[in-house]
């Protein structure tokens, strides 16, 4: 069962990181400009970010294994469509469907472990799930580069299919069906729909503004984004079972840390998108070396994150979050050394190491602080909300790259991308520093506050404690 959960999570993690490295090859093969490459990334992130919490609720209602398997099938078919896409429009549409599949299977992967295993076995299984998922994210850029340089960029997507088949076979054979027996009052379909429209309209507005769209078009799209965002907030306030219960934000710490999460992951998401392109288009790195360039970041996180979490538990989250965000900003600025014929050791590695130090210092405390800011009954939902915030931040950062840099998204990728890189990187470093200020000003004392907020809200997968049914 753990194998099925890990395999399902792995392909979602891989697709979150593997595609960036293949973007220059996609651009050359499909004659795509920067705006189209933005959509290749953001189409996937939009549906995944907006629907991941709803996916957990669907699993609780109809069966976690059933929805997990449905997500795997959707993801695999969409990956096949990506790999066979004859043009950029088909690729972008298939990426959006991939995000839907990811939103169905991601919450179910952890929910199956939580609801099916004995309490004594859960910690070890969750640790294995988390660790191997992190490894999948780490090797994603390297695998993407190797595939792009080898059999071609299409295999970045086609490689998902055998993994999905293995996952289906294991899940059907070894995973019991579980569901929540607590009565439900319907799905938050209005909230989910409004979230998708708000994120998509915001993305369109940002890309269109840098792509030469008329003022009327951009203004209309911005109005749609604002209206959809307003509808989403109103829907969450009125829904009996909202995706994002407003009472969670009665905790000052929870609110502050989620605002900081948005800033930090916007900086990270924008920088990773820029760096993958800069290394290949401007510095001339092969895709496989561009994918391996940031491996030191992941190695540091795998080696030191547990110690960072322990330190934050002793001294509180305020200092680690502030110092980590400052180190991250410094690392991003060091990436400005990347230019034509950049040397890895002197121009890339320093930024990667300092970025890794920053992420080691802040990521584990960020997560633990979110969980500690609410009572135990809501910890899963708090984690899910924080994860959705992080994904949405990365989505909007990628969409905003040309606008922030004051360059056009309409052109093709060439050496002129260096201008976009050098203008946008300081902006993302500044966003990381804003995160540091938010942590220092917004967090007080040694321990985060705990908001009670009731005892009946669902966790990440929408579960209510003590109401799981298992079909064996």
Protein backbone atom coordinates (compact mmCIF):
# COMPACT_ATOMS: atom_id res chain seq x y z
CA UNK A 1 0.00 0.00 0.00
CA UNK A 2 2.83 2.38 0.83
CA UNK A 3 4.36 1.54 -2.55
CA UNK A 4 1.16 2.60 -4.33
CA UNK A 5 1.00 5.86 -2.39
CA UNK A 6 4.66 6.61 -3.08
CA UNK A 7 4.39 5.83 -6.80
CA UNK A 8 1.30 8.03 -7.14
CA UNK A 9 2.92 10.92 -5.31
CA UNK A 10 6.18 10.47 -7.21
CA UNK A 11 4.71 11.12 -10.66
CA UNK A 12 3.00 14.29 -9.42
CA UNK A 13 6.21 15.46 -7.76
CA UNK A 14 8.22 14.64 -10.87
CA UNK A 15 5.89 16.61 -13.12
CA UNK A 16 6.17 19.62 -10.83
CA UNK A 17 9.92 19.82 -11.44
CA UNK A 18 10.81 17.76 -14.50
CA UNK A 19 9.16 19.93 -17.15
CA UNK A 20 11.11 23.18 -16.55
CA UNK A 21 14.32 21.64 -17.84
CA UNK A 22 12.63 20.45 -21.05
CA UNK A 23 11.09 23.84 -21.90
CA UNK A 24 13.78 25.00 -24.38
CA UNK A 25 13.43 21.74 -26.34
CA UNK A 26 9.64 22.11 -26.34
CA UNK A 27 9.99 25.68 -27.59
CA UNK A 28 12.27 24.63 -30.44
CA UNK A 29 10.18 21.63 -31.50
CA UNK A 30 6.74 23.26 -31.27
CA UNK A 31 7.83 26.79 -32.27
CA UNK A 32 6.63 28.16 -28.94
CA UNK A 33 7.42 31.52 -27.38
CA UNK A 34 7.91 32.42 -23.74
CA UNK A 35 4.17 32.96 -23.18
CA UNK A 36 3.39 29.45 -24.42
CA UNK A 37 6.08 28.00 -22.16
CA UNK A 38 4.53 29.85 -19.23
CA UNK A 39 1.21 28.21 -20.04
CA UNK A 40 2.87 24.80 -20.24
CA UNK A 41 3.82 25.23 -16.58
CA UNK A 42 0.87 27.24 -15.26
CA UNK A 43 -1.93 25.17 -16.85
CA UNK A 44 -0.84 22.20 -14.74
CA UNK A 45 -0.37 24.26 -11.60
CA UNK A 46 -3.73 26.04 -11.93
CA UNK A 47 -5.93 22.95 -11.82
CA UNK A 48 -3.72 21.18 -9.28
CA UNK A 49 -3.69 24.15 -6.90
CA UNK A 50 -7.40 24.87 -7.16
CA UNK A 51 -8.68 21.29 -6.87
CA UNK A 52 -6.32 19.46 -4.50
CA UNK A 53 -8.50 20.08 -1.43
CA UNK A 54 -11.67 19.12 -3.30
CA UNK A 55 -9.91 15.92 -4.37
CA UNK A 56 -9.56 14.92 -0.74
CA UNK A 57 -13.26 15.46 -0.13
CA UNK A 58 -14.18 13.34 -3.14
CA UNK A 59 -12.01 10.53 -1.78
CA UNK A 60 -13.77 10.64 1.57
CA UNK A 61 -17.19 10.50 -0.03
CA UNK A 62 -16.68 7.92 -2.80
CA UNK A 63 -13.72 5.93 -1.48
CA UNK A 64 -10.09 6.98 -1.23
CA UNK A 65 -8.70 4.12 -3.32
CA UNK A 66 -11.33 4.64 -6.01
CA UNK A 67 -10.62 8.36 -6.37
CA UNK A 68 -6.86 7.72 -6.16
CA UNK A 69 -7.11 5.21 -9.02
CA UNK A 70 -9.26 7.61 -11.03
CA UNK A 71 -6.61 10.28 -10.56
CA UNK A 72 -3.86 7.92 -11.72
CA UNK A 73 -5.83 7.00 -14.86
CA UNK A 74 -6.58 10.65 -15.69
CA UNK A 75 -2.95 11.58 -15.07
CA UNK A 76 -1.64 8.75 -17.27
CA UNK A 77 -3.99 9.53 -20.17
CA UNK A 78 -3.14 13.22 -19.96
CA UNK A 79 0.58 12.35 -19.92
CA UNK A 80 0.06 10.31 -23.09
CA UNK A 81 -1.66 13.29 -24.69
CA UNK A 82 1.24 15.54 -23.65
CA UNK A 83 3.77 13.14 -25.13
CA UNK A 84 1.91 12.94 -28.44
CA UNK A 85 0.89 16.62 -28.62
CA UNK A 86 1.19 17.91 -32.21
CA UNK A 87 1.24 21.55 -31.10
CA UNK A 88 1.61 23.78 -28.09
CA UNK A 89 -2.17 24.28 -27.70
CA UNK A 90 -2.77 20.55 -27.26
CA UNK A 91 0.16 20.32 -24.85
CA UNK A 92 -1.21 23.13 -22.66
CA UNK A 93 -4.70 21.59 -22.59
CA UNK A 94 -3.30 18.18 -21.68
CA UNK A 95 -1.22 19.74 -18.91
CA UNK A 96 -4.40 21.20 -17.40
CA UNK A 97 -5.95 17.73 -17.39
CA UNK A 98 -2.78 16.38 -15.78
CA UNK A 99 -3.33 18.84 -12.95
CA UNK A 100 -6.87 17.51 -12.43
CA UNK A 101 -5.50 13.97 -12.16
CA UNK A 102 -2.86 15.14 -9.71
CA UNK A 103 -5.49 16.87 -7.58
CA UNK A 104 -7.45 13.61 -7.34
CA UNK A 105 -4.55 11.36 -6.43
CA UNK A 106 -2.34 13.57 -4.24
CA UNK A 107 -4.55 13.81 -1.11
CA UNK A 108 -5.59 10.18 -1.50
CA UNK A 109 -2.02 8.92 -1.40
CA UNK A 110 -1.52 10.08 2.18
CA UNK A 111 -5.12 9.47 3.24
CA UNK A 112 -4.84 5.78 2.34
CA UNK A 113 -1.85 5.41 4.65
CA UNK A 114 -3.48 7.35 7.45
CA UNK A 115 -6.78 5.49 7.33
CA UNK A 116 -5.61 1.94 6.57
CA UNK A 117 -2.52 1.34 8.70
CA UNK A 118 -2.33 0.76 12.42
CA UNK A 119 -1.34 3.87 14.40
CA UNK A 120 1.95 2.24 15.38
CA UNK A 121 2.90 1.83 11.70
CA UNK A 122 1.75 5.20 10.41
CA UNK A 123 4.74 7.31 11.42
CA UNK A 124 7.22 5.07 9.64
CA UNK A 125 5.02 4.84 6.54
CA UNK A 126 4.44 8.59 6.39
CA UNK A 127 8.18 9.19 6.82
CA UNK A 128 8.87 6.83 3.92
CA UNK A 129 6.16 8.50 1.81
CA UNK A 130 7.56 11.96 2.56
CA UNK A 131 11.19 10.99 2.03
CA UNK A 132 10.69 9.21 -1.27
CA UNK A 133 8.42 12.00 -2.49
CA UNK A 134 11.25 14.43 -1.74
CA UNK A 135 13.67 12.23 -3.66
CA UNK A 136 11.29 12.27 -6.64
CA UNK A 137 11.26 16.07 -6.58
CA UNK A 138 15.03 16.10 -6.29
CA UNK A 139 15.76 13.86 -9.24
CA UNK A 140 13.02 15.41 -11.40
CA UNK A 141 15.18 18.08 -13.09
CA UNK A 142 18.02 15.60 -13.64
CA UNK A 143 15.67 13.00 -15.14
CA UNK A 144 14.01 15.66 -17.28
CA UNK A 145 17.36 16.84 -18.57
CA UNK A 146 18.52 13.31 -19.37
CA UNK A 147 15.31 12.54 -21.26
CA UNK A 148 15.32 15.85 -23.12
CA UNK A 149 18.93 15.35 -24.20
CA UNK A 150 18.37 11.66 -24.98
CA UNK A 151 15.16 10.28 -26.51
CA UNK A 152 13.50 13.71 -26.53
CA UNK A 153 11.25 15.97 -24.48
CA UNK A 154 8.14 13.89 -25.18
CA UNK A 155 9.54 11.15 -22.96
CA UNK A 156 9.38 13.56 -20.03
CA UNK A 157 5.64 12.85 -20.14
CA UNK A 158 5.57 9.34 -21.58
CA UNK A 159 7.74 8.00 -18.74
CA UNK A 160 4.74 8.57 -16.43
CA UNK A 161 2.73 5.83 -18.12
CA UNK A 162 4.65 2.71 -16.95
CA UNK A 163 4.88 4.21 -13.46
CA UNK A 164 1.10 4.79 -13.47
CA UNK A 165 0.44 1.22 -14.62
CA UNK A 166 2.62 -0.17 -11.82
CA UNK A 167 0.83 2.07 -9.32
CA UNK A 168 -2.60 0.85 -10.50
CA UNK A 169 -1.59 -2.81 -10.24
CA UNK A 170 -0.24 -2.39 -6.72
CA UNK A 171 -3.22 -0.35 -5.53
CA UNK A 172 -5.83 -2.76 -6.89
CA UNK A 173 -4.09 -5.72 -5.28
CA UNK A 174 -2.91 -4.36 -1.94
CA UNK A 175 -4.85 -1.21 -0.95
CA UNK A 176 -8.16 -1.61 0.93
CA UNK A 177 -10.99 0.80 0.22
CA UNK A 178 -11.68 3.35 2.95
CA UNK A 179 -14.18 6.16 3.25
CA UNK A 180 -15.59 8.59 5.78
CA UNK A 181 -18.93 7.43 7.23
CA UNK A 182 -19.79 10.84 8.70
CA UNK A 183 -22.81 12.44 6.98
CA UNK A 184 -21.88 15.10 4.41
CA UNK A 185 -23.75 18.16 3.23
CA UNK A 186 -22.50 18.38 -0.34
CA UNK A 187 -19.30 19.46 -2.02
CA UNK A 188 -17.95 22.96 -2.19
CA UNK A 189 -18.33 23.00 -5.97
CA UNK A 190 -18.91 26.76 -6.11
CA UNK A 191 -15.73 27.39 -4.17
CA UNK A 192 -13.73 25.01 -6.37
CA UNK A 193 -15.08 26.55 -9.56
CA UNK A 194 -14.45 30.08 -8.36
CA UNK A 195 -10.89 29.15 -7.35
CA UNK A 196 -10.12 27.78 -10.82
CA UNK A 197 -11.59 30.84 -12.55
CA UNK A 198 -9.76 33.25 -10.20
CA UNK A 199 -6.37 31.56 -10.68
CA UNK A 200 -6.82 31.11 -14.42
CA UNK A 201 -8.03 34.68 -14.97
CA UNK A 202 -5.18 36.09 -12.89
CA UNK A 203 -2.70 34.01 -14.88
CA UNK A 204 -4.19 35.16 -18.19
CA UNK A 205 -4.07 38.77 -17.02
CA UNK A 206 -0.39 38.59 -16.07
CA UNK A 207 0.70 36.81 -19.24
CA UNK A 208 -1.49 38.91 -21.55
CA UNK A 209 -0.24 42.16 -20.02
CA UNK A 210 3.32 41.24 -21.02
CA UNK A 211 2.24 39.71 -24.34
CA UNK A 212 0.94 42.89 -25.93
CA UNK A 213 -2.73 42.49 -25.06
CA UNK A 214 -4.96 45.54 -25.37
CA UNK A 215 -5.88 47.52 -22.28
CA UNK A 216 -9.52 46.49 -22.67
CA UNK A 217 -8.64 42.78 -22.80
CA UNK A 218 -6.32 42.94 -19.83
CA UNK A 219 -8.78 45.03 -17.85
CA UNK A 220 -11.66 42.65 -18.54
CA UNK A 221 -9.59 39.64 -17.51
CA UNK A 222 -8.51 41.41 -14.34
CA UNK A 223 -12.15 42.17 -13.49
CA UNK A 224 -13.04 38.49 -13.99
CA UNK A 225 -10.20 37.52 -11.64
CA UNK A 226 -11.37 39.94 -8.94
CA UNK A 227 -15.02 38.88 -9.24
CA UNK A 228 -14.10 35.19 -9.10
CA UNK A 229 -11.88 35.79 -6.08
CA UNK A 230 -14.72 37.62 -4.33
CA UNK A 231 -17.12 34.78 -5.13
CA UNK A 232 -14.59 32.29 -3.73
CA UNK A 233 -14.30 34.16 -0.41
CA UNK A 234 -18.10 34.47 -0.15
CA UNK A 235 -18.56 30.78 -0.99
CA UNK A 236 -16.12 29.70 1.71
CA UNK A 237 -17.93 31.82 4.28
CA UNK A 238 -21.32 30.35 3.42
CA UNK A 239 -20.58 26.72 2.54
CA UNK A 240 -21.43 24.10 5.16
CA UNK A 241 -18.26 22.17 4.27
CA UNK A 242 -15.91 24.73 2.69
CA UNK A 243 -12.61 23.73 1.07
CA UNK A 244 -10.86 26.47 3.06
CA UNK A 245 -12.70 27.04 6.35
CA UNK A 246 -12.36 30.74 7.24
CA UNK A 247 -12.09 29.95 10.97
CA UNK A 248 -8.56 28.63 10.42
CA UNK A 249 -7.44 32.19 9.79
CA UNK A 250 -8.59 33.28 13.24
CA UNK A 251 -5.12 32.12 14.29
CA UNK A 252 -2.68 34.99 13.83
CA UNK A 253 0.20 32.57 13.38
CA UNK A 254 -1.63 30.53 10.76
CA UNK A 255 -2.44 33.67 8.77
CA UNK A 256 1.06 35.13 9.02
CA UNK A 257 2.79 31.89 8.04
CA UNK A 258 0.53 31.39 5.03
CA UNK A 259 1.21 34.93 3.83
CA UNK A 260 4.92 34.23 4.26
CA UNK A 261 4.49 30.92 2.43
CA UNK A 262 3.03 32.77 -0.53
CA UNK A 263 6.02 35.13 -0.66
CA UNK A 264 8.65 32.39 -0.25
CA UNK A 265 7.18 29.99 -2.78
CA UNK A 266 6.56 32.77 -5.27
CA UNK A 267 10.28 33.56 -5.06
CA UNK A 268 11.26 29.90 -5.38
CA UNK A 269 8.82 29.10 -8.21
CA UNK A 270 9.82 32.12 -10.26
CA UNK A 271 13.53 31.52 -9.73
CA UNK A 272 13.42 27.84 -10.69
CA UNK A 273 11.58 28.68 -13.91
CA UNK A 274 14.09 31.41 -14.78
CA UNK A 275 17.21 29.44 -13.86
CA UNK A 276 16.31 26.37 -15.94
CA UNK A 277 15.94 28.59 -19.01
CA UNK A 278 18.95 30.81 -18.29
CA UNK A 279 21.30 27.87 -17.88
CA UNK A 280 20.33 26.40 -21.25
CA UNK A 281 19.41 29.36 -23.44
CA UNK A 282 22.05 31.84 -22.28
CA UNK A 283 24.80 29.82 -20.54
CA UNK A 284 24.62 27.01 -23.09
CA UNK A 285 24.32 24.11 -20.65
CA UNK A 286 22.96 20.78 -21.91
CA UNK A 287 19.56 19.99 -20.44
CA UNK A 288 20.94 17.22 -18.21
CA UNK A 289 23.50 19.56 -16.62
CA UNK A 290 20.92 22.30 -16.20
CA UNK A 291 18.75 19.76 -14.39
CA UNK A 292 21.60 18.69 -12.14
CA UNK A 293 22.73 22.25 -11.36
CA UNK A 294 20.51 22.66 -8.30
CA UNK A 295 21.00 19.19 -6.83
CA UNK A 296 23.08 20.70 -3.98
CA UNK A 297 19.91 22.41 -2.78
CA UNK A 298 18.11 19.10 -2.46
CA UNK A 299 21.08 17.32 -0.89
CA UNK A 300 21.29 19.96 1.82
CA UNK A 301 17.57 19.70 2.50
CA UNK A 302 17.66 15.91 2.73
CA UNK A 303 20.64 15.98 5.09
CA UNK A 304 19.77 18.89 7.37
CA UNK A 305 15.99 19.50 7.40
CA UNK A 306 15.41 17.30 10.46
CA UNK A 307 18.02 19.24 12.44
CA UNK A 308 16.49 22.52 11.33
CA UNK A 309 13.07 21.39 12.56
CA UNK A 310 14.57 20.40 15.93
CA UNK A 311 16.28 23.78 16.27
CA UNK A 312 13.06 25.64 15.51
CA UNK A 313 11.26 23.53 18.12
CA UNK A 314 13.78 24.72 20.73
CA UNK A 315 14.03 28.42 19.88
CA UNK A 316 10.73 29.05 18.10
CA UNK A 317 10.06 29.73 14.41
CA UNK A 318 10.61 33.49 14.25
CA UNK A 319 14.40 33.54 13.92
CA UNK A 320 14.76 30.50 11.59
CA UNK A 321 12.05 31.78 9.25
CA UNK A 322 13.55 35.26 9.13
CA UNK A 323 17.16 34.13 8.70
CA UNK A 324 16.20 31.44 6.19
CA UNK A 325 14.27 33.89 4.01
CA UNK A 326 17.22 36.31 4.05
CA UNK A 327 19.62 33.53 3.05
CA UNK A 328 17.25 32.50 0.26
CA UNK A 329 17.21 36.07 -1.04
CA UNK A 330 21.01 36.17 -0.99
CA UNK A 331 21.19 32.89 -2.89
CA UNK A 332 18.82 34.18 -5.56
CA UNK A 333 20.96 37.29 -6.04
CA UNK A 334 24.08 35.16 -6.46
CA UNK A 335 22.40 33.51 -9.45
CA UNK A 336 22.88 36.81 -11.27
CA UNK A 337 26.41 35.53 -11.90
CA UNK A 338 24.95 33.10 -14.46
CA UNK A 339 25.60 34.46 -17.93
CA UNK A 340 27.07 33.34 -21.25
CA UNK A 341 29.58 30.49 -20.73
CA UNK A 342 28.98 30.51 -16.96
CA UNK A 343 31.31 28.30 -14.93
CA UNK A 344 29.40 25.99 -12.62
CA UNK A 345 31.75 26.12 -9.63
CA UNK A 346 32.17 29.88 -9.52
CA UNK A 347 28.89 31.14 -11.02
CA UNK A 348 26.19 28.59 -10.19
CA UNK A 349 27.27 26.61 -7.13
CA UNK A 350 27.54 29.57 -4.67
CA UNK A 351 23.94 30.57 -5.32
CA UNK A 352 22.74 26.97 -5.11
CA UNK A 353 24.50 26.44 -1.77
CA UNK A 354 23.19 29.64 -0.18
CA UNK A 355 19.71 28.95 -1.54
CA UNK A 356 19.94 25.46 -0.03
CA UNK A 357 20.97 26.88 3.34
CA UNK A 358 18.02 29.24 3.24
CA UNK A 359 15.53 26.49 2.39
CA UNK A 360 16.98 24.14 5.01
CA UNK A 361 16.57 26.86 7.62
CA UNK A 362 13.00 27.81 6.80
CA UNK A 363 11.03 25.01 5.07
CA UNK A 364 10.72 22.56 7.99
CA UNK A 365 9.89 25.31 10.54
CA UNK A 366 7.38 26.78 8.09
CA UNK A 367 5.52 23.48 7.89
CA UNK A 368 5.68 22.70 11.60
CA UNK A 369 4.48 26.21 12.49
CA UNK A 370 1.44 25.87 10.24
CA UNK A 371 0.52 22.60 11.94
CA UNK A 372 1.14 23.95 15.45
CA UNK A 373 -1.02 27.01 14.79
CA UNK A 374 -4.25 24.96 14.85
CA UNK A 375 -5.53 22.16 17.06
CA UNK A 376 -4.71 18.55 16.19
CA UNK A 377 -8.13 17.88 14.65
CA UNK A 378 -7.42 20.47 11.96
CA UNK A 379 -3.73 19.79 11.32
CA UNK A 380 -4.29 17.89 8.07
CA UNK A 381 -6.52 20.59 6.63
CA UNK A 382 -4.04 23.27 7.73
CA UNK A 383 -1.28 21.44 5.88
CA UNK A 384 -3.47 21.12 2.78
CA UNK A 385 -4.32 24.82 2.76
CA UNK A 386 -0.65 25.72 3.15
CA UNK A 387 0.27 23.38 0.30
CA UNK A 388 -2.36 24.95 -1.95
CA UNK A 389 -1.06 28.45 -1.08
CA UNK A 390 2.48 27.38 -2.01
CA UNK A 391 1.37 25.95 -5.36
CA UNK A 392 -0.71 29.03 -6.21
CA UNK A 393 2.25 31.27 -5.37
CA UNK A 394 4.53 29.40 -7.76
CA UNK A 395 1.85 29.51 -10.45
CA UNK A 396 1.39 33.27 -10.26
CA UNK A 397 5.15 33.90 -10.05
CA UNK A 398 5.79 32.04 -13.31
CA UNK A 399 2.93 33.89 -14.97
CA UNK A 400 4.31 37.25 -13.83
CA UNK A 401 7.94 36.78 -14.98
CA UNK A 402 7.86 38.92 -18.18
CA UNK A 403 5.67 41.56 -16.56
CA UNK A 404 8.03 41.88 -13.59
CA UNK A 405 11.02 42.06 -15.92
CA UNK A 406 9.42 44.64 -18.18
CA UNK A 407 9.95 42.43 -21.22
CA UNK A 408 7.67 40.84 -23.79
CA UNK A 409 6.34 37.31 -23.51
CA UNK A 410 5.64 37.20 -27.24
CA UNK A 411 9.15 36.55 -28.48
CA UNK A 412 11.08 33.33 -28.95
CA UNK A 413 13.76 32.05 -26.60
CA UNK A 414 17.23 33.37 -27.50
CA UNK A 415 20.16 35.18 -25.91
CA UNK A 416 17.91 38.17 -25.18
CA UNK A 417 16.34 36.11 -22.38
CA UNK A 418 19.34 37.24 -20.32
CA UNK A 419 17.65 40.63 -19.96
CA UNK A 420 14.48 39.04 -18.58
CA UNK A 421 16.54 36.98 -16.15
CA UNK A 422 18.56 39.90 -14.81
CA UNK A 423 15.51 42.08 -14.30
CA UNK A 424 13.31 39.43 -12.70
CA UNK A 425 15.78 37.79 -10.30
CA UNK A 426 16.18 40.87 -8.04
CA UNK A 427 12.39 41.14 -7.87
CA UNK A 428 12.07 37.56 -6.60
CA UNK A 429 14.92 38.15 -4.14
CA UNK A 430 12.97 41.16 -2.89
CA UNK A 431 9.85 39.02 -2.52
CA UNK A 432 11.86 36.60 -0.36
CA UNK A 433 13.00 39.53 1.80
CA UNK A 434 9.36 40.58 2.17
CA UNK A 435 8.78 37.08 3.53
CA UNK A 436 11.54 37.66 6.08
CA UNK A 437 9.93 40.91 7.21
CA UNK A 438 6.53 39.21 7.51
CA UNK A 439 8.02 36.51 9.74
CA UNK A 440 9.93 38.93 11.96
CA UNK A 441 7.04 41.36 12.41
CA UNK A 442 4.15 38.91 12.41
CA UNK A 443 5.46 36.16 14.69
CA UNK A 444 5.88 36.84 18.36
CA UNK A 445 7.30 34.87 21.23
CA UNK A 446 8.81 31.43 21.28
CA UNK A 447 5.76 29.31 20.52
CA UNK A 448 3.02 29.76 17.90
CA UNK A 449 -0.48 30.35 19.15
CA UNK A 450 -3.06 27.60 18.81
CA UNK A 451 -6.51 28.43 17.52
CA UNK A 452 -9.27 26.14 18.68
CA UNK A 453 -11.76 26.84 15.92
CA UNK A 454 -14.02 23.91 16.73
CA UNK A 455 -13.54 20.17 16.59
CA UNK A 456 -15.42 18.93 13.56
CA UNK A 457 -13.53 20.31 10.56
CA UNK A 458 -12.00 17.77 8.18
CA UNK A 459 -8.29 17.27 7.64
CA UNK A 460 -6.43 17.40 4.31
CA UNK A 461 -8.47 14.56 2.86
CA UNK A 462 -11.66 15.81 4.47
CA UNK A 463 -11.73 13.16 7.20
CA UNK A 464 -13.44 13.47 10.54
CA UNK A 465 -11.57 11.67 13.33
CA UNK A 466 -12.99 8.32 14.25
CA UNK A 467 -15.39 7.94 11.34
CA UNK A 468 -13.43 5.88 8.82
CA UNK A 469 -14.86 2.77 7.24
CA UNK A 470 -12.53 0.18 5.72
CA UNK A 471 -13.66 -2.27 3.04
CA UNK A 472 -11.36 -5.26 3.01
